[in-house]
Structure formats: structure tokens, C-alpha cells
Amino acid sequence: MSLATAAAIYFLVWWTVLFAVLPWGVRSQQESEQDIVPGTDPGAPAIPHLGRKLLWTTVAATAVFILLFVIYTYRLISLDDLAAFFGLPG
């Protein structure tokens, strides 16, 4: 796997993990019983903690990428295995 390919795959994994991490621990303005800022939705996050979420996204994406890299490098799962898993002709 080339460095450019690895970077592209890491970027895709990171972006996917970001969308999984974003809802963690979010409390809306209405749930936190704060004053709702005029012009905003009551369901908007009161304190989004984006820095913490970006850190957790990076940690989780790195772990997922390492797992995928090991599977690819040591050929632990072949394309035939994936085809059989999804019931496709091999």
C-alpha cells in the first residue's frame, strides 16, 4: 500500500468516525436548561466540546486504521472471504 493510498484511507476512516463521535455527550440548550440563544434552535448543542471530540476521533480512527492495515498486510481476510460472507459468487 502506497503512502498516498494509506493517507486517503485514513482520511476516509477519520471522517466516518467523526460522524460517529459527534453525538457523544451532546446536551441541547433545552436539556441543559440554559437560556436559549435568540435565533437558534432549542435542540442546538449548548456546549459542543469539539476539541475533545476531534481528539477522540483521531484516537479511534487511528485504532481502526491500524486494524485495517494489519488485516490488509497479513491478508487475514481475502476478497473470496468477503464475497462468501456477503453471499456473492466467488
N, C-alpha and C. Protein backbone atom coordinates (compact mmCIF):
# COMPACT_ATOMS: atom_id res chain seq x y z
N MET A 1 0.85 -1.17 0.00
CA MET A 1 0.00 0.00 0.00
C MET A 1 0.90 1.23 0.00
N SER A 2 0.64 2.12 -0.95
CA SER A 2 1.45 3.33 -1.03
C SER A 2 1.06 4.31 0.08
N LEU A 3 1.93 5.26 0.32
CA LEU A 3 1.67 6.26 1.35
C LEU A 3 0.44 7.10 1.02
N ALA A 4 0.26 7.44 -0.25
CA ALA A 4 -0.91 8.23 -0.66
C ALA A 4 -2.20 7.45 -0.44
N THR A 5 -2.17 6.16 -0.75
CA THR A 5 -3.35 5.32 -0.54
C THR A 5 -3.66 5.20 0.95
N ALA A 6 -2.63 4.98 1.76
CA ALA A 6 -2.83 4.88 3.21
C ALA A 6 -3.38 6.18 3.78
N ALA A 7 -2.88 7.31 3.31
CA ALA A 7 -3.38 8.61 3.79
C ALA A 7 -4.83 8.81 3.38
N ALA A 8 -5.19 8.42 2.17
CA ALA A 8 -6.57 8.56 1.72
C ALA A 8 -7.51 7.67 2.53
N ILE A 9 -7.10 6.45 2.80
CA ILE A 9 -7.92 5.54 3.59
C ILE A 9 -8.05 6.05 5.02
N TYR A 10 -6.95 6.56 5.60
CA TYR A 10 -7.02 7.12 6.95
C TYR A 10 -7.99 8.30 6.98
N PHE A 11 -7.94 9.16 5.97
CA PHE A 11 -8.84 10.31 5.90
C PHE A 11 -10.30 9.85 5.87
N LEU A 12 -10.60 8.84 5.07
CA LEU A 12 -11.98 8.33 4.99
C LEU A 12 -12.41 7.71 6.32
N VAL A 13 -11.53 6.95 6.94
CA VAL A 13 -11.85 6.36 8.24
C VAL A 13 -12.06 7.45 9.28
N TRP A 14 -11.18 8.45 9.30
CA TRP A 14 -11.30 9.54 10.27
C TRP A 14 -12.62 10.27 10.11
N TRP A 15 -12.99 10.58 8.88
CA TRP A 15 -14.22 11.31 8.62
C TRP A 15 -15.45 10.50 9.04
N THR A 16 -15.43 9.19 8.78
CA THR A 16 -16.53 8.33 9.17
C THR A 16 -16.64 8.25 10.69
N VAL A 17 -15.51 8.10 11.36
CA VAL A 17 -15.51 8.03 12.82
C VAL A 17 -15.97 9.36 13.42
N LEU A 18 -15.63 10.48 12.77
CA LEU A 18 -16.07 11.78 13.27
C LEU A 18 -17.60 11.83 13.36
N PHE A 19 -18.29 11.35 12.34
CA PHE A 19 -19.74 11.38 12.37
C PHE A 19 -20.31 10.43 13.42
N ALA A 20 -19.56 9.40 13.78
CA ALA A 20 -20.00 8.51 14.86
C ALA A 20 -19.77 9.15 16.22
N VAL A 21 -18.73 9.97 16.35
CA VAL A 21 -18.36 10.57 17.63
C VAL A 21 -19.13 11.85 17.93
N LEU A 22 -19.55 12.58 16.92
CA LEU A 22 -20.19 13.88 17.13
C LEU A 22 -21.36 13.85 18.12
N PRO A 23 -22.25 12.87 18.10
CA PRO A 23 -23.38 12.93 19.04
C PRO A 23 -23.04 12.54 20.48
N TRP A 24 -21.84 12.07 20.75
CA TRP A 24 -21.49 11.64 22.11
C TRP A 24 -21.56 12.80 23.08
N GLY A 25 -22.35 12.66 24.11
CA GLY A 25 -22.38 13.62 25.21
C GLY A 25 -22.98 14.97 24.88
N VAL A 26 -23.74 15.06 23.81
CA VAL A 26 -24.33 16.34 23.44
C VAL A 26 -25.59 16.59 24.26
N ARG A 27 -25.65 17.77 24.84
CA ARG A 27 -26.85 18.21 25.54
C ARG A 27 -27.34 19.47 24.85
N SER A 28 -28.60 19.46 24.51
CA SER A 28 -29.16 20.63 23.82
C SER A 28 -29.33 21.78 24.80
N GLN A 29 -29.56 22.96 24.25
CA GLN A 29 -29.80 24.13 25.09
C GLN A 29 -31.03 23.91 25.96
N GLN A 30 -32.03 23.25 25.40
CA GLN A 30 -33.26 22.99 26.13
C GLN A 30 -33.03 21.98 27.26
N GLU A 31 -32.25 20.93 27.01
CA GLU A 31 -31.98 19.91 28.03
C GLU A 31 -31.12 20.47 29.16
N SER A 32 -30.19 21.36 28.84
CA SER A 32 -29.31 21.89 29.87
C SER A 32 -29.94 23.03 30.64
N GLU A 33 -31.16 23.35 30.30
CA GLU A 33 -31.95 24.38 30.99
C GLU A 33 -31.23 25.72 31.02
N GLN A 34 -30.52 26.01 29.96
CA GLN A 34 -29.89 27.31 29.80
C GLN A 34 -30.86 28.22 29.06
N ASP A 35 -30.55 29.48 29.06
CA ASP A 35 -31.32 30.39 28.23
C ASP A 35 -31.05 30.06 26.78
N ILE A 36 -32.09 29.91 26.00
CA ILE A 36 -31.94 29.60 24.59
C ILE A 36 -31.54 30.89 23.87
N VAL A 37 -30.44 30.82 23.16
CA VAL A 37 -29.93 31.99 22.44
C VAL A 37 -30.93 32.37 21.36
N PRO A 38 -31.35 33.61 21.31
CA PRO A 38 -32.31 34.02 20.29
C PRO A 38 -31.79 33.74 18.88
N GLY A 39 -32.66 33.19 18.05
CA GLY A 39 -32.31 32.89 16.67
C GLY A 39 -31.71 31.52 16.47
N THR A 40 -31.56 30.74 17.54
CA THR A 40 -31.02 29.39 17.41
C THR A 40 -32.09 28.38 17.73
N ASP A 41 -31.87 27.17 17.29
CA ASP A 41 -32.80 26.08 17.56
C ASP A 41 -32.63 25.62 19.00
N PRO A 42 -33.72 25.32 19.72
CA PRO A 42 -33.57 24.83 21.09
C PRO A 42 -32.81 23.51 21.17
N GLY A 43 -32.76 22.76 20.07
CA GLY A 43 -32.04 21.49 20.06
C GLY A 43 -30.57 21.63 19.74
N ALA A 44 -30.11 22.85 19.50
CA ALA A 44 -28.69 23.08 19.21
C ALA A 44 -27.86 22.79 20.45
N PRO A 45 -26.66 22.24 20.28
CA PRO A 45 -25.82 21.92 21.44
C PRO A 45 -25.51 23.16 22.27
N ALA A 46 -25.60 23.00 23.58
CA ALA A 46 -25.25 24.09 24.47
C ALA A 46 -23.73 24.28 24.49
N ILE A 47 -23.00 23.18 24.70
CA ILE A 47 -21.53 23.20 24.68
C ILE A 47 -21.09 22.00 23.85
N PRO A 48 -20.64 22.20 22.62
CA PRO A 48 -20.36 21.05 21.74
C PRO A 48 -19.08 20.28 22.05
N HIS A 49 -18.10 20.86 22.77
CA HIS A 49 -16.84 20.18 23.10
C HIS A 49 -16.15 19.63 21.85
N LEU A 50 -16.01 20.46 20.82
CA LEU A 50 -15.46 19.99 19.55
C LEU A 50 -14.00 19.56 19.66
N GLY A 51 -13.20 20.24 20.45
CA GLY A 51 -11.79 19.85 20.59
C GLY A 51 -11.65 18.44 21.14
N ARG A 52 -12.41 18.13 22.17
CA ARG A 52 -12.38 16.80 22.77
C ARG A 52 -12.85 15.75 21.77
N LYS A 53 -13.87 16.09 20.99
CA LYS A 53 -14.40 15.14 20.01
C LYS A 53 -13.41 14.90 18.88
N LEU A 54 -12.68 15.94 18.48
CA LEU A 54 -11.66 15.75 17.45
C LEU A 54 -10.53 14.86 17.96
N LEU A 55 -10.16 15.01 19.22
CA LEU A 55 -9.14 14.16 19.81
C LEU A 55 -9.60 12.70 19.85
N TRP A 56 -10.82 12.45 20.32
CA TRP A 56 -11.35 11.09 20.38
C TRP A 56 -11.51 10.50 18.98
N THR A 57 -11.88 11.34 18.02
CA THR A 57 -11.99 10.87 16.64
C THR A 57 -10.63 10.41 16.13
N THR A 58 -9.60 11.16 16.41
CA THR A 58 -8.26 10.80 15.96
C THR A 58 -7.79 9.50 16.61
N VAL A 59 -8.04 9.35 17.91
CA VAL A 59 -7.64 8.13 18.61
C VAL A 59 -8.38 6.92 18.04
N ALA A 60 -9.70 7.03 17.91
CA ALA A 60 -10.49 5.90 17.41
C ALA A 60 -10.17 5.59 15.95
N ALA A 61 -10.01 6.62 15.13
CA ALA A 61 -9.70 6.39 13.72
C ALA A 61 -8.33 5.75 13.55
N THR A 62 -7.38 6.13 14.37
CA THR A 62 -6.05 5.52 14.30
C THR A 62 -6.12 4.04 14.67
N ALA A 63 -6.90 3.70 15.69
CA ALA A 63 -7.06 2.29 16.08
C ALA A 63 -7.73 1.49 14.96
N VAL A 64 -8.78 2.04 14.36
CA VAL A 64 -9.47 1.35 13.26
C VAL A 64 -8.54 1.20 12.06
N PHE A 65 -7.78 2.26 11.75
CA PHE A 65 -6.86 2.19 10.62
C PHE A 65 -5.78 1.15 10.84
N ILE A 66 -5.23 1.09 12.03
CA ILE A 66 -4.20 0.08 12.33
C ILE A 66 -4.77 -1.32 12.16
N LEU A 67 -5.99 -1.52 12.64
CA LEU A 67 -6.63 -2.83 12.48
C LEU A 67 -6.80 -3.17 11.00
N LEU A 68 -7.30 -2.23 10.22
CA LEU A 68 -7.46 -2.46 8.78
C LEU A 68 -6.12 -2.69 8.09
N PHE A 69 -5.10 -1.95 8.49
CA PHE A 69 -3.78 -2.10 7.90
C PHE A 69 -3.19 -3.49 8.19
N VAL A 70 -3.36 -3.97 9.41
CA VAL A 70 -2.86 -5.31 9.77
C VAL A 70 -3.62 -6.37 8.99
N ILE A 71 -4.93 -6.22 8.87
CA ILE A 71 -5.72 -7.19 8.10
C ILE A 71 -5.26 -7.21 6.65
N TYR A 72 -5.01 -6.03 6.08
CA TYR A 72 -4.56 -5.96 4.69
C TYR A 72 -3.13 -6.49 4.52
N THR A 73 -2.24 -6.12 5.41
CA THR A 73 -0.83 -6.50 5.29
C THR A 73 -0.64 -8.01 5.41
N TYR A 74 -1.30 -8.60 6.40
CA TYR A 74 -1.13 -10.04 6.63
C TYR A 74 -2.17 -10.88 5.91
N ARG A 75 -2.98 -10.24 5.09
CA ARG A 75 -4.00 -10.92 4.28
C ARG A 75 -4.86 -11.85 5.13
N LEU A 76 -5.36 -11.33 6.24
CA LEU A 76 -6.18 -12.11 7.15
C LEU A 76 -7.58 -12.35 6.58
N ILE A 77 -8.04 -11.45 5.73
CA ILE A 77 -9.32 -11.61 5.06
C ILE A 77 -9.10 -11.38 3.58
N SER A 78 -9.48 -12.36 2.76
CA SER A 78 -9.31 -12.22 1.32
C SER A 78 -10.61 -11.74 0.68
N LEU A 79 -10.52 -11.38 -0.58
CA LEU A 79 -11.72 -10.97 -1.31
C LEU A 79 -12.71 -12.11 -1.43
N ASP A 80 -12.20 -13.35 -1.55
CA ASP A 80 -13.09 -14.52 -1.60
C ASP A 80 -13.84 -14.68 -0.28
N ASP A 81 -13.18 -14.40 0.83
CA ASP A 81 -13.84 -14.47 2.14
C ASP A 81 -14.97 -13.44 2.22
N LEU A 82 -14.70 -12.23 1.73
CA LEU A 82 -15.72 -11.19 1.75
C LEU A 82 -16.89 -11.54 0.83
N ALA A 83 -16.59 -12.10 -0.34
CA ALA A 83 -17.65 -12.50 -1.26
C ALA A 83 -18.52 -13.58 -0.63
N ALA A 84 -17.90 -14.55 0.03
CA ALA A 84 -18.67 -15.61 0.68
C ALA A 84 -19.50 -15.05 1.84
N PHE A 85 -18.96 -14.11 2.56
CA PHE A 85 -19.67 -13.50 3.68
C PHE A 85 -20.94 -12.79 3.21
N PHE A 86 -20.84 -12.09 2.08
CA PHE A 86 -21.99 -11.35 1.56
C PHE A 86 -22.84 -12.18 0.61
N GLY A 87 -22.49 -13.47 0.43
CA GLY A 87 -23.29 -14.37 -0.39
C GLY A 87 -23.15 -14.12 -1.88
N LEU A 88 -22.02 -13.58 -2.29
CA LEU A 88 -21.79 -13.33 -3.70
C LEU A 88 -20.98 -14.47 -4.30
N PRO A 89 -21.12 -14.68 -5.60
CA PRO A 89 -20.31 -15.75 -6.21
C PRO A 89 -18.83 -15.39 -6.17
N GLY A 90 -18.01 -16.35 -5.84
CA GLY A 90 -16.57 -16.10 -5.67
C GLY A 90 -15.87 -16.35 -6.90
